[in-house]
Amino acid sequence: MTPSAAPSSAQPPRWAAGLLLGTLAALLAALPAALRSPAPLVTWLLLAGSAALLTAPLGALLRASALPPRALLPALTAAALAGAPLALLGGLLKTATHHRPLGATTFALLG
């Protein structure tokens, strides 16, 4: 018996690319909030790290799945279309609500 040989092309598994893409998406998504903060570097690191806890495993799961990219298109389109109305609602609640917890609860229920 011969020992099993390593594959000739040492490519990383598909899910590894998903981890990388999810982490990069978290780093990019945290930039707008960090730029408005008084301590942008610390804020960026904290926000990117907490967002990567969700986006990196999700990216790995989507990348490793056998679904073709076209099957994911409706879900991604729906998420993108839901962003604009929720942003408008959040801005309206921020300016019109003096009680922040009530505004947050209203946003969570309507979102």
PDB file of N, CA and C in Angstrom:
ATOM      1  N   MET A   1       0.827  -1.186   0.000  1.00  0.00           N
ATOM      2  CA  MET A   1       0.000   0.000   0.000  1.00  0.00           C
ATOM      3  C   MET A   1       0.866   1.241   0.000  1.00  0.00           C
ATOM      4  N   THR A   2       0.473   2.162  -0.792  1.00  0.00           N
ATOM      5  CA  THR A   2       1.192   3.424  -0.824  1.00  0.00           C
ATOM      6  C   THR A   2       0.415   4.457  -0.031  1.00  0.00           C
ATOM      7  N   PRO A   3       1.121   5.338   0.654  1.00  0.00           N
ATOM      8  CA  PRO A   3       0.412   6.387   1.388  1.00  0.00           C
ATOM      9  C   PRO A   3      -0.312   7.310   0.412  1.00  0.00           C
ATOM     10  N   SER A   4      -1.409   7.845   0.884  1.00  0.00           N
ATOM     11  CA  SER A   4      -2.192   8.721   0.011  1.00  0.00           C
ATOM     12  C   SER A   4      -1.404   9.988  -0.284  1.00  0.00           C
ATOM     13  N   ALA A   5      -1.383  10.331  -1.531  1.00  0.00           N
ATOM     14  CA  ALA A   5      -0.633  11.515  -1.952  1.00  0.00           C
ATOM     15  C   ALA A   5      -1.521  12.745  -1.822  1.00  0.00           C
ATOM     16  N   ALA A   6      -0.882  13.862  -1.588  1.00  0.00           N
ATOM     17  CA  ALA A   6      -1.605  15.126  -1.504  1.00  0.00           C
ATOM     18  C   ALA A   6      -2.092  15.502  -2.900  1.00  0.00           C
ATOM     19  N   PRO A   7      -3.219  16.187  -2.982  1.00  0.00           N
ATOM     20  CA  PRO A   7      -3.691  16.593  -4.308  1.00  0.00           C
ATOM     21  C   PRO A   7      -2.672  17.485  -5.012  1.00  0.00           C
ATOM     22  N   SER A   8      -2.632  17.349  -6.334  1.00  0.00           N
ATOM     23  CA  SER A   8      -1.624  18.094  -7.089  1.00  0.00           C
ATOM     24  C   SER A   8      -1.853  19.605  -7.013  1.00  0.00           C
ATOM     25  N   SER A   9      -3.079  20.028  -7.042  1.00  0.00           N
ATOM     26  CA  SER A   9      -3.345  21.461  -6.903  1.00  0.00           C
ATOM     27  C   SER A   9      -3.903  21.700  -5.507  1.00  0.00           C
ATOM     28  N   ALA A  10      -3.111  22.306  -4.675  1.00  0.00           N
ATOM     29  CA  ALA A  10      -3.494  22.525  -3.276  1.00  0.00           C
ATOM     30  C   ALA A  10      -4.380  23.760  -3.176  1.00  0.00           C
ATOM     31  N   GLN A  11      -5.666  23.606  -3.521  1.00  0.00           N
ATOM     32  CA  GLN A  11      -6.610  24.709  -3.409  1.00  0.00           C
ATOM     33  C   GLN A  11      -7.306  24.634  -2.064  1.00  0.00           C
ATOM     34  N   PRO A  12      -7.573  25.787  -1.472  1.00  0.00           N
ATOM     35  CA  PRO A  12      -8.309  25.767  -0.200  1.00  0.00           C
ATOM     36  C   PRO A  12      -9.746  25.310  -0.443  1.00  0.00           C
ATOM     37  N   PRO A  13     -10.386  24.797   0.588  1.00  0.00           N
ATOM     38  CA  PRO A  13     -11.775  24.380   0.406  1.00  0.00           C
ATOM     39  C   PRO A  13     -12.671  25.567   0.075  1.00  0.00           C
ATOM     40  N   ARG A  14     -13.844  25.265  -0.496  1.00  0.00           N
ATOM     41  CA  ARG A  14     -14.747  26.335  -0.933  1.00  0.00           C
ATOM     42  C   ARG A  14     -15.199  27.202   0.230  1.00  0.00           C
ATOM     43  N   TRP A  15     -15.407  26.601   1.389  1.00  0.00           N
ATOM     44  CA  TRP A  15     -15.918  27.377   2.527  1.00  0.00           C
ATOM     45  C   TRP A  15     -14.892  28.385   3.024  1.00  0.00           C
ATOM     46  N   ALA A  16     -13.606  28.139   2.785  1.00  0.00           N
ATOM     47  CA  ALA A  16     -12.576  29.081   3.230  1.00  0.00           C
ATOM     48  C   ALA A  16     -12.709  30.413   2.487  1.00  0.00           C
ATOM     49  N   ALA A  17     -13.040  30.357   1.222  1.00  0.00           N
ATOM     50  CA  ALA A  17     -13.250  31.589   0.464  1.00  0.00           C
ATOM     51  C   ALA A  17     -14.462  32.337   1.009  1.00  0.00           C
ATOM     52  N   GLY A  18     -15.480  31.597   1.448  1.00  0.00           N
ATOM     53  CA  GLY A  18     -16.656  32.231   2.045  1.00  0.00           C
ATOM     54  C   GLY A  18     -16.320  32.932   3.348  1.00  0.00           C
ATOM     55  N   LEU A  19     -15.448  32.338   4.146  1.00  0.00           N
ATOM     56  CA  LEU A  19     -15.008  33.001   5.383  1.00  0.00           C
ATOM     57  C   LEU A  19     -14.296  34.312   5.073  1.00  0.00           C
ATOM     58  N   LEU A  20     -13.437  34.269   4.072  1.00  0.00           N
ATOM     59  CA  LEU A  20     -12.706  35.478   3.695  1.00  0.00           C
ATOM     60  C   LEU A  20     -13.654  36.552   3.167  1.00  0.00           C
ATOM     61  N   LEU A  21     -14.574  36.177   2.291  1.00  0.00           N
ATOM     62  CA  LEU A  21     -15.515  37.151   1.740  1.00  0.00           C
ATOM     63  C   LEU A  21     -16.431  37.721   2.823  1.00  0.00           C
ATOM     64  N   GLY A  22     -16.875  36.878   3.761  1.00  0.00           N
ATOM     65  CA  GLY A  22     -17.717  37.359   4.853  1.00  0.00           C
ATOM     66  C   GLY A  22     -16.983  38.335   5.754  1.00  0.00           C
ATOM     67  N   THR A  23     -15.720  38.046   6.019  1.00  0.00           N
ATOM     68  CA  THR A  23     -14.924  38.942   6.854  1.00  0.00           C
ATOM     69  C   THR A  23     -14.673  40.274   6.147  1.00  0.00           C
ATOM     70  N   LEU A  24     -14.378  40.222   4.854  1.00  0.00           N
ATOM     71  CA  LEU A  24     -14.172  41.457   4.098  1.00  0.00           C
ATOM     72  C   LEU A  24     -15.457  42.282   4.030  1.00  0.00           C
ATOM     73  N   ALA A  25     -16.594  41.613   3.905  1.00  0.00           N
ATOM     74  CA  ALA A  25     -17.872  42.331   3.892  1.00  0.00           C
ATOM     75  C   ALA A  25     -18.114  43.020   5.232  1.00  0.00           C
ATOM     76  N   ALA A  26     -17.760  42.376   6.331  1.00  0.00           N
ATOM     77  CA  ALA A  26     -17.923  42.983   7.655  1.00  0.00           C
ATOM     78  C   ALA A  26     -17.007  44.197   7.819  1.00  0.00           C
ATOM     79  N   LEU A  27     -15.780  44.087   7.334  1.00  0.00           N
ATOM     80  CA  LEU A  27     -14.855  45.221   7.416  1.00  0.00           C
ATOM     81  C   LEU A  27     -15.382  46.413   6.620  1.00  0.00           C
ATOM     82  N   LEU A  28     -15.938  46.142   5.460  1.00  0.00           N
ATOM     83  CA  LEU A  28     -16.476  47.217   4.625  1.00  0.00           C
ATOM     84  C   LEU A  28     -17.757  47.800   5.214  1.00  0.00           C
ATOM     85  N   ALA A  29     -18.609  46.969   5.758  1.00  0.00           N
ATOM     86  CA  ALA A  29     -19.883  47.441   6.307  1.00  0.00           C
ATOM     87  C   ALA A  29     -19.689  48.306   7.547  1.00  0.00           C
ATOM     88  N   ALA A  30     -18.611  48.111   8.276  1.00  0.00           N
ATOM     89  CA  ALA A  30     -18.369  48.870   9.502  1.00  0.00           C
ATOM     90  C   ALA A  30     -17.768  50.250   9.240  1.00  0.00           C
ATOM     91  N   LEU A  31     -17.308  50.502   8.034  1.00  0.00           N
ATOM     92  CA  LEU A  31     -16.646  51.778   7.732  1.00  0.00           C
ATOM     93  C   LEU A  31     -17.527  53.013   7.913  1.00  0.00           C
ATOM     94  N   PRO A  32     -18.759  53.058   7.396  1.00  0.00           N
ATOM     95  CA  PRO A  32     -19.541  54.299   7.539  1.00  0.00           C
ATOM     96  C   PRO A  32     -19.774  54.711   8.989  1.00  0.00           C
ATOM     97  N   ALA A  33     -20.085  53.761   9.846  1.00  0.00           N
ATOM     98  CA  ALA A  33     -20.318  54.099  11.253  1.00  0.00           C
ATOM     99  C   ALA A  33     -19.015  54.509  11.939  1.00  0.00           C
ATOM    100  N   ALA A  34     -17.918  53.886  11.562  1.00  0.00           N
ATOM    101  CA  ALA A  34     -16.638  54.212  12.190  1.00  0.00           C
ATOM    102  C   ALA A  34     -16.178  55.617  11.821  1.00  0.00           C
ATOM    103  N   LEU A  35     -16.465  56.031  10.608  1.00  0.00           N
ATOM    104  CA  LEU A  35     -16.032  57.365  10.186  1.00  0.00           C
ATOM    105  C   LEU A  35     -16.782  58.480  10.904  1.00  0.00           C
ATOM    106  N   ARG A  36     -17.966  58.197  11.428  1.00  0.00           N
ATOM    107  CA  ARG A  36     -18.732  59.198  12.173  1.00  0.00           C
ATOM    108  C   ARG A  36     -18.432  59.168  13.664  1.00  0.00           C
ATOM    109  N   SER A  37     -17.604  58.269  14.107  1.00  0.00           N
ATOM    110  CA  SER A  37     -17.333  58.086  15.523  1.00  0.00           C
ATOM    111  C   SER A  37     -16.169  58.969  15.973  1.00  0.00           C
ATOM    112  N   PRO A  38     -16.146  59.340  17.269  1.00  0.00           N
ATOM    113  CA  PRO A  38     -14.992  60.107  17.765  1.00  0.00           C
ATOM    114  C   PRO A  38     -13.712  59.277  17.832  1.00  0.00           C
ATOM    115  N   ALA A  39     -13.846  57.959  17.967  1.00  0.00           N
ATOM    116  CA  ALA A  39     -12.679  57.067  17.957  1.00  0.00           C
ATOM    117  C   ALA A  39     -12.855  56.082  16.807  1.00  0.00           C
ATOM    118  N   PRO A  40     -12.527  56.493  15.574  1.00  0.00           N
ATOM    119  CA  PRO A  40     -12.872  55.669  14.416  1.00  0.00           C
ATOM    120  C   PRO A  40     -12.197  54.306  14.364  1.00  0.00           C
ATOM    121  N   LEU A  41     -10.948  54.204  14.756  1.00  0.00           N
ATOM    122  CA  LEU A  41     -10.251  52.922  14.655  1.00  0.00           C
ATOM    123  C   LEU A  41     -10.846  51.893  15.616  1.00  0.00           C
ATOM    124  N   VAL A  42     -11.054  52.292  16.849  1.00  0.00           N
ATOM    125  CA  VAL A  42     -11.629  51.373  17.842  1.00  0.00           C
ATOM    126  C   VAL A  42     -13.048  50.980  17.443  1.00  0.00           C
ATOM    127  N   THR A  43     -13.824  51.960  17.003  1.00  0.00           N
ATOM    128  CA  THR A  43     -15.194  51.681  16.585  1.00  0.00           C
ATOM    129  C   THR A  43     -15.211  50.743  15.396  1.00  0.00           C
ATOM    130  N   TRP A  44     -14.317  50.973  14.434  1.00  0.00           N
ATOM    131  CA  TRP A  44     -14.264  50.119  13.252  1.00  0.00           C
ATOM    132  C   TRP A  44     -13.904  48.688  13.629  1.00  0.00           C
ATOM    133  N   LEU A  45     -12.923  48.533  14.506  1.00  0.00           N
ATOM    134  CA  LEU A  45     -12.537  47.182  14.923  1.00  0.00           C
ATOM    135  C   LEU A  45     -13.661  46.467  15.669  1.00  0.00           C
ATOM    136  N   LEU A  46     -14.336  47.187  16.554  1.00  0.00           N
ATOM    137  CA  LEU A  46     -15.429  46.568  17.310  1.00  0.00           C
ATOM    138  C   LEU A  46     -16.605  46.201  16.408  1.00  0.00           C
ATOM    139  N   LEU A  47     -17.005  47.114  15.546  1.00  0.00           N
ATOM    140  CA  LEU A  47     -18.138  46.844  14.669  1.00  0.00           C
ATOM    141  C   LEU A  47     -17.818  45.764  13.637  1.00  0.00           C
ATOM    142  N   ALA A  48     -16.628  45.830  13.072  1.00  0.00           N
ATOM    143  CA  ALA A  48     -16.251  44.828  12.080  1.00  0.00           C
ATOM    144  C   ALA A  48     -16.142  43.445  12.714  1.00  0.00           C
ATOM    145  N   GLY A  49     -15.597  43.384  13.911  1.00  0.00           N
ATOM    146  CA  GLY A  49     -15.488  42.099  14.586  1.00  0.00           C
ATOM    147  C   GLY A  49     -16.829  41.496  14.921  1.00  0.00           C
ATOM    148  N   SER A  50     -17.744  42.325  15.405  1.00  0.00           N
ATOM    149  CA  SER A  50     -19.056  41.783  15.747  1.00  0.00           C
ATOM    150  C   SER A  50     -19.856  41.437  14.492  1.00  0.00           C
ATOM    151  N   ALA A  51     -19.697  42.193  13.418  1.00  0.00           N
ATOM    152  CA  ALA A  51     -20.391  41.861  12.172  1.00  0.00           C
ATOM    153  C   ALA A  51     -19.799  40.606  11.536  1.00  0.00           C
ATOM    154  N   ALA A  52     -18.503  40.416  11.684  1.00  0.00           N
ATOM    155  CA  ALA A  52     -17.861  39.230  11.112  1.00  0.00           C
ATOM    156  C   ALA A  52     -18.321  37.951  11.802  1.00  0.00           C
ATOM    157  N   LEU A  53     -18.764  38.063  13.041  1.00  0.00           N
ATOM    158  CA  LEU A  53     -19.291  36.876  13.725  1.00  0.00           C
ATOM    159  C   LEU A  53     -20.525  36.318  13.012  1.00  0.00           C
ATOM    160  N   LEU A  54     -21.226  37.164  12.297  1.00  0.00           N
ATOM    161  CA  LEU A  54     -22.395  36.725  11.545  1.00  0.00           C
ATOM    162  C   LEU A  54     -22.073  36.494  10.074  1.00  0.00           C
ATOM    163  N   THR A  55     -21.365  37.432   9.446  1.00  0.00           N
ATOM    164  CA  THR A  55     -21.171  37.344   8.001  1.00  0.00           C
ATOM    165  C   THR A  55     -20.160  36.281   7.573  1.00  0.00           C
ATOM    166  N   ALA A  56     -19.133  36.037   8.359  1.00  0.00           N
ATOM    167  CA  ALA A  56     -18.131  35.048   7.958  1.00  0.00           C
ATOM    168  C   ALA A  56     -18.705  33.626   7.930  1.00  0.00           C
ATOM    169  N   PRO A  57     -19.371  33.157   8.998  1.00  0.00           N
ATOM    170  CA  PRO A  57     -19.959  31.810   8.890  1.00  0.00           C
ATOM    171  C   PRO A  57     -21.056  31.732   7.829  1.00  0.00           C
ATOM    172  N   LEU A  58     -21.820  32.805   7.664  1.00  0.00           N
ATOM    173  CA  LEU A  58     -22.858  32.806   6.630  1.00  0.00           C
ATOM    174  C   LEU A  58     -22.222  32.721   5.245  1.00  0.00           C
ATOM    175  N   GLY A  59     -21.153  33.455   5.033  1.00  0.00           N
ATOM    176  CA  GLY A  59     -20.440  33.376   3.759  1.00  0.00           C
ATOM    177  C   GLY A  59     -19.870  31.993   3.509  1.00  0.00           C
ATOM    178  N   ALA A  60     -19.331  31.377   4.552  1.00  0.00           N
ATOM    179  CA  ALA A  60     -18.797  30.020   4.407  1.00  0.00           C
ATOM    180  C   ALA A  60     -19.906  29.020   4.088  1.00  0.00           C
ATOM    181  N   LEU A  61     -21.037  29.182   4.747  1.00  0.00           N
ATOM    182  CA  LEU A  61     -22.165  28.289   4.504  1.00  0.00           C
ATOM    183  C   LEU A  61     -22.690  28.441   3.080  1.00  0.00           C
ATOM    184  N   LEU A  62     -22.847  29.680   2.629  1.00  0.00           N
ATOM    185  CA  LEU A  62     -23.331  29.907   1.275  1.00  0.00           C
ATOM    186  C   LEU A  62     -22.337  29.429   0.226  1.00  0.00           C
ATOM    187  N   ARG A  63     -21.066  29.626   0.492  1.00  0.00           N
ATOM    188  CA  ARG A  63     -20.038  29.214  -0.467  1.00  0.00           C
ATOM    189  C   ARG A  63     -19.934  27.695  -0.547  1.00  0.00           C
ATOM    190  N   ALA A  64     -20.110  27.014   0.574  1.00  0.00           N
ATOM    191  CA  ALA A  64     -19.995  25.557   0.594  1.00  0.00           C
ATOM    192  C   ALA A  64     -21.264  24.869   0.114  1.00  0.00           C
ATOM    193  N   SER A  65     -22.372  25.590   0.079  1.00  0.00           N
ATOM    194  CA  SER A  65     -23.629  24.965  -0.338  1.00  0.00           C
ATOM    195  C   SER A  65     -23.586  24.632  -1.823  1.00  0.00           C
ATOM    196  N   ALA A  66     -24.421  23.710  -2.180  1.00  0.00           N
ATOM    197  CA  ALA A  66     -24.462  23.282  -3.571  1.00  0.00           C
ATOM    198  C   ALA A  66     -25.428  24.128  -4.382  1.00  0.00           C
ATOM    199  N   LEU A  67     -26.006  25.162  -3.776  1.00  0.00           N
ATOM    200  CA  LEU A  67     -26.961  26.005  -4.498  1.00  0.00           C
ATOM    201  C   LEU A  67     -26.243  26.840  -5.550  1.00  0.00           C
ATOM    202  N   PRO A  68     -26.826  26.940  -6.730  1.00  0.00           N
ATOM    203  CA  PRO A  68     -26.231  27.839  -7.723  1.00  0.00           C
ATOM    204  C   PRO A  68     -26.477  29.294  -7.316  1.00  0.00           C
ATOM    205  N   PRO A  69     -25.640  30.215  -7.740  1.00  0.00           N
ATOM    206  CA  PRO A  69     -25.810  31.617  -7.357  1.00  0.00           C
ATOM    207  C   PRO A  69     -27.172  32.191  -7.751  1.00  0.00           C
ATOM    208  N   ARG A  70     -27.763  31.706  -8.826  1.00  0.00           N
ATOM    209  CA  ARG A  70     -29.068  32.215  -9.247  1.00  0.00           C
ATOM    210  C   ARG A  70     -30.160  31.880  -8.238  1.00  0.00           C
ATOM    211  N   ALA A  71     -30.002  30.816  -7.471  1.00  0.00           N
ATOM    212  CA  ALA A  71     -31.015  30.456  -6.476  1.00  0.00           C
ATOM    213  C   ALA A  71     -31.005  31.429  -5.306  1.00  0.00           C
ATOM    214  N   LEU A  72     -29.881  32.070  -5.055  1.00  0.00           N
ATOM    215  CA  LEU A  72     -29.762  33.020  -3.951  1.00  0.00           C
ATOM    216  C   LEU A  72     -30.165  34.432  -4.351  1.00  0.00           C
ATOM    217  N   LEU A  73     -30.304  34.697  -5.639  1.00  0.00           N
ATOM    218  CA  LEU A  73     -30.593  36.041  -6.125  1.00  0.00           C
ATOM    219  C   LEU A  73     -31.889  36.628  -5.570  1.00  0.00           C
ATOM    220  N   PRO A  74     -32.995  35.900  -5.490  1.00  0.00           N
ATOM    221  CA  PRO A  74     -34.209  36.505  -4.925  1.00  0.00           C
ATOM    222  C   PRO A  74     -34.060  36.929  -3.465  1.00  0.00           C
ATOM    223  N   ALA A  75     -33.389  36.125  -2.669  1.00  0.00           N
ATOM    224  CA  ALA A  75     -33.204  36.478  -1.257  1.00  0.00           C
ATOM    225  C   ALA A  75     -32.303  37.701  -1.106  1.00  0.00           C
ATOM    226  N   LEU A  76     -31.255  37.776  -1.889  1.00  0.00           N
ATOM    227  CA  LEU A  76     -30.355  38.924  -1.819  1.00  0.00           C
ATOM    228  C   LEU A  76     -31.041  40.194  -2.330  1.00  0.00           C
ATOM    229  N   THR A  77     -31.859  40.067  -3.360  1.00  0.00           N
ATOM    230  CA  THR A  77     -32.592  41.216  -3.880  1.00  0.00           C
ATOM    231  C   THR A  77     -33.597  41.722  -2.851  1.00  0.00           C
ATOM    232  N   ALA A  78     -34.299  40.817  -2.199  1.00  0.00           N
ATOM    233  CA  ALA A  78     -35.263  41.213  -1.175  1.00  0.00           C
ATOM    234  C   ALA A  78     -34.576  41.924  -0.015  1.00  0.00           C
ATOM    235  N   ALA A  79     -33.418  41.429   0.403  1.00  0.00           N
ATOM    236  CA  ALA A  79     -32.685  42.074   1.497  1.00  0.00           C
ATOM    237  C   ALA A  79     -32.220  43.471   1.089  1.00  0.00           C
ATOM    238  N   ALA A  80     -31.788  43.627  -0.149  1.00  0.00           N
ATOM    239  CA  ALA A  80     -31.339  44.941  -0.618  1.00  0.00           C
ATOM    240  C   ALA A  80     -32.502  45.919  -0.729  1.00  0.00           C
ATOM    241  N   LEU A  81     -33.636  45.441  -1.203  1.00  0.00           N
ATOM    242  CA  LEU A  81     -34.797  46.321  -1.340  1.00  0.00           C
ATOM    243  C   LEU A  81     -35.386  46.711   0.014  1.00  0.00           C
ATOM    244  N   ALA A  82     -35.225  45.880   1.017  1.00  0.00           N
ATOM    245  CA  ALA A  82     -35.761  46.193   2.342  1.00  0.00           C
ATOM    246  C   ALA A  82     -34.912  47.230   3.067  1.00  0.00           C
ATOM    247  N   GLY A  83     -33.680  47.427   2.637  1.00  0.00           N
ATOM    248  CA  GLY A  83     -32.789  48.350   3.334  1.00  0.00           C
ATOM    249  C   GLY A  83     -33.208  49.804   3.263  1.00  0.00           C
ATOM    250  N   ALA A  84     -33.638  50.280   2.106  1.00  0.00           N
ATOM    251  CA  ALA A  84     -33.985  51.692   1.944  1.00  0.00           C
ATOM    252  C   ALA A  84     -35.193  52.100   2.788  1.00  0.00           C
ATOM    253  N   PRO A  85     -36.311  51.354   2.766  1.00  0.00           N
ATOM    254  CA  PRO A  85     -37.436  51.748   3.624  1.00  0.00           C
ATOM    255  C   PRO A  85     -37.101  51.692   5.112  1.00  0.00           C
ATOM    256  N   LEU A  86     -36.297  50.714   5.502  1.00  0.00           N
ATOM    257  CA  LEU A  86     -35.918  50.636   6.917  1.00  0.00           C
ATOM    258  C   LEU A  86     -35.016  51.802   7.317  1.00  0.00           C
ATOM    259  N   ALA A  87     -34.160  52.251   6.422  1.00  0.00           N
ATOM    260  CA  ALA A  87     -33.311  53.405   6.721  1.00  0.00           C
ATOM    261  C   ALA A  87     -34.159  54.668   6.863  1.00  0.00           C
ATOM    262  N   LEU A  88     -35.146  54.825   5.988  1.00  0.00           N
ATOM    263  CA  LEU A  88     -36.040  55.980   6.094  1.00  0.00           C
ATOM    264  C   LEU A  88     -36.853  55.935   7.394  1.00  0.00           C
ATOM    265  N   LEU A  89     -37.335  54.753   7.738  1.00  0.00           N
ATOM    266  CA  LEU A  89     -38.089  54.596   8.980  1.00  0.00           C
ATOM    267  C   LEU A  89     -37.218  54.913  10.197  1.00  0.00           C
ATOM    268  N   GLY A  90     -35.980  54.436  10.176  1.00  0.00           N
ATOM    269  CA  GLY A  90     -35.070  54.724  11.284  1.00  0.00           C
ATOM    270  C   GLY A  90     -34.785  56.199  11.432  1.00  0.00           C
ATOM    271  N   GLY A  91     -34.594  56.901  10.318  1.00  0.00           N
ATOM    272  CA  GLY A  91     -34.373  58.349  10.372  1.00  0.00           C
ATOM    273  C   GLY A  91     -35.581  59.100  10.884  1.00  0.00           C
ATOM    274  N   LEU A  92     -36.761  58.679  10.451  1.00  0.00           N
ATOM    275  CA  LEU A  92     -37.990  59.317  10.925  1.00  0.00           C
ATOM    276  C   LEU A  92     -38.194  59.092  12.421  1.00  0.00           C
ATOM    277  N   LEU A  93     -37.967  57.876  12.869  1.00  0.00           N
ATOM    278  CA  LEU A  93     -38.125  57.590  14.294  1.00  0.00           C
ATOM    279  C   LEU A  93     -37.104  58.338  15.147  1.00  0.00           C
ATOM    280  N   LYS A  94     -35.899  58.501  14.617  1.00  0.00           N
ATOM    281  CA  LYS A  94     -34.869  59.207  15.378  1.00  0.00           C
ATOM    282  C   LYS A  94     -35.228  60.675  15.581  1.00  0.00           C
ATOM    283  N   THR A  95     -35.807  61.287  14.565  1.00  0.00           N
ATOM    284  CA  THR A  95     -36.153  62.701  14.691  1.00  0.00           C
ATOM    285  C   THR A  95     -37.483  62.931  15.400  1.00  0.00           C
ATOM    286  N   ALA A  96     -38.403  61.979  15.303  1.00  0.00           N
ATOM    287  CA  ALA A  96     -39.749  62.199  15.841  1.00  0.00           C
ATOM    288  C   ALA A  96     -39.978  61.586  17.219  1.00  0.00           C
ATOM    289  N   THR A  97     -39.065  60.752  17.685  1.00  0.00           N
ATOM    290  CA  THR A  97     -39.268  60.071  18.962  1.00  0.00           C
ATOM    291  C   THR A  97     -38.301  60.624  19.998  1.00  0.00           C
ATOM    292  N   HIS A  98     -38.841  61.061  21.123  1.00  0.00           N
ATOM    293  CA  HIS A  98     -37.997  61.575  22.200  1.00  0.00           C
ATOM    294  C   HIS A  98     -37.617  60.476  23.178  1.00  0.00           C
ATOM    295  N   HIS A  99     -38.377  59.403  23.182  1.00  0.00           N
ATOM    296  CA  HIS A  99     -38.108  58.282  24.077  1.00  0.00           C
ATOM    297  C   HIS A  99     -37.402  57.201  23.262  1.00  0.00           C
ATOM    298  N   ARG A 100     -36.074  57.127  23.377  1.00  0.00           N
ATOM    299  CA  ARG A 100     -35.268  56.234  22.530  1.00  0.00           C
ATOM    300  C   ARG A 100     -35.676  54.761  22.623  1.00  0.00           C
ATOM    301  N   PRO A 101     -35.927  54.213  23.824  1.00  0.00           N
ATOM    302  CA  PRO A 101     -36.333  52.802  23.862  1.00  0.00           C
ATOM    303  C   PRO A 101     -37.644  52.544  23.122  1.00  0.00           C
ATOM    304  N   LEU A 102     -38.575  53.498  23.186  1.00  0.00           N
ATOM    305  CA  LEU A 102     -39.824  53.338  22.454  1.00  0.00           C
ATOM    306  C   LEU A 102     -39.574  53.376  20.951  1.00  0.00           C
ATOM    307  N   GLY A 103     -38.702  54.258  20.498  1.00  0.00           N
ATOM    308  CA  GLY A 103     -38.366  54.322  19.089  1.00  0.00           C
ATOM    309  C   GLY A 103     -37.679  53.046  18.619  1.00  0.00           C
ATOM    310  N   ALA A 104     -36.789  52.498  19.432  1.00  0.00           N
ATOM    311  CA  ALA A 104     -36.102  51.260  19.080  1.00  0.00           C
ATOM    312  C   ALA A 104     -37.067  50.091  19.006  1.00  0.00           C
ATOM    313  N   THR A 105     -37.992  50.041  19.948  1.00  0.00           N
ATOM    314  CA  THR A 105     -38.981  48.973  19.932  1.00  0.00           C
ATOM    315  C   THR A 105     -39.901  49.091  18.725  1.00  0.00           C
ATOM    316  N   THR A 106     -40.304  50.298  18.398  1.00  0.00           N
ATOM    317  CA  THR A 106     -41.139  50.518  17.220  1.00  0.00           C
ATOM    318  C   THR A 106     -40.406  50.090  15.949  1.00  0.00           C
ATOM    319  N   PHE A 107     -39.138  50.449  15.851  1.00  0.00           N
ATOM    320  CA  PHE A 107     -38.334  50.065  14.681  1.00  0.00           C
ATOM    321  C   PHE A 107     -38.216  48.553  14.592  1.00  0.00           C
ATOM    322  N   ALA A 108     -37.986  47.902  15.725  1.00  0.00           N
ATOM    323  CA  ALA A 108     -37.834  46.444  15.713  1.00  0.00           C
ATOM    324  C   ALA A 108     -39.128  45.752  15.300  1.00  0.00           C
ATOM    325  N   LEU A 109     -40.248  46.255  15.777  1.00  0.00           N
ATOM    326  CA  LEU A 109     -41.523  45.627  15.431  1.00  0.00           C
ATOM    327  C   LEU A 109     -41.899  45.882  13.986  1.00  0.00           C
ATOM    328  N   LEU A 110     -41.691  47.087  13.485  1.00  0.00           N
ATOM    329  CA  LEU A 110     -42.038  47.389  12.113  1.00  0.00           C
ATOM    330  C   LEU A 110     -41.046  46.789  11.116  1.00  0.00           C
ATOM    331  N   GLY A 111     -39.805  46.638  11.540  1.00  0.00           N
ATOM    332  CA  GLY A 111     -38.786  46.057  10.664  1.00  0.00           C
ATOM    333  C   GLY A 111     -39.026  44.603  10.455  1.00  0.00           C
TER     334      GLY A 111
END
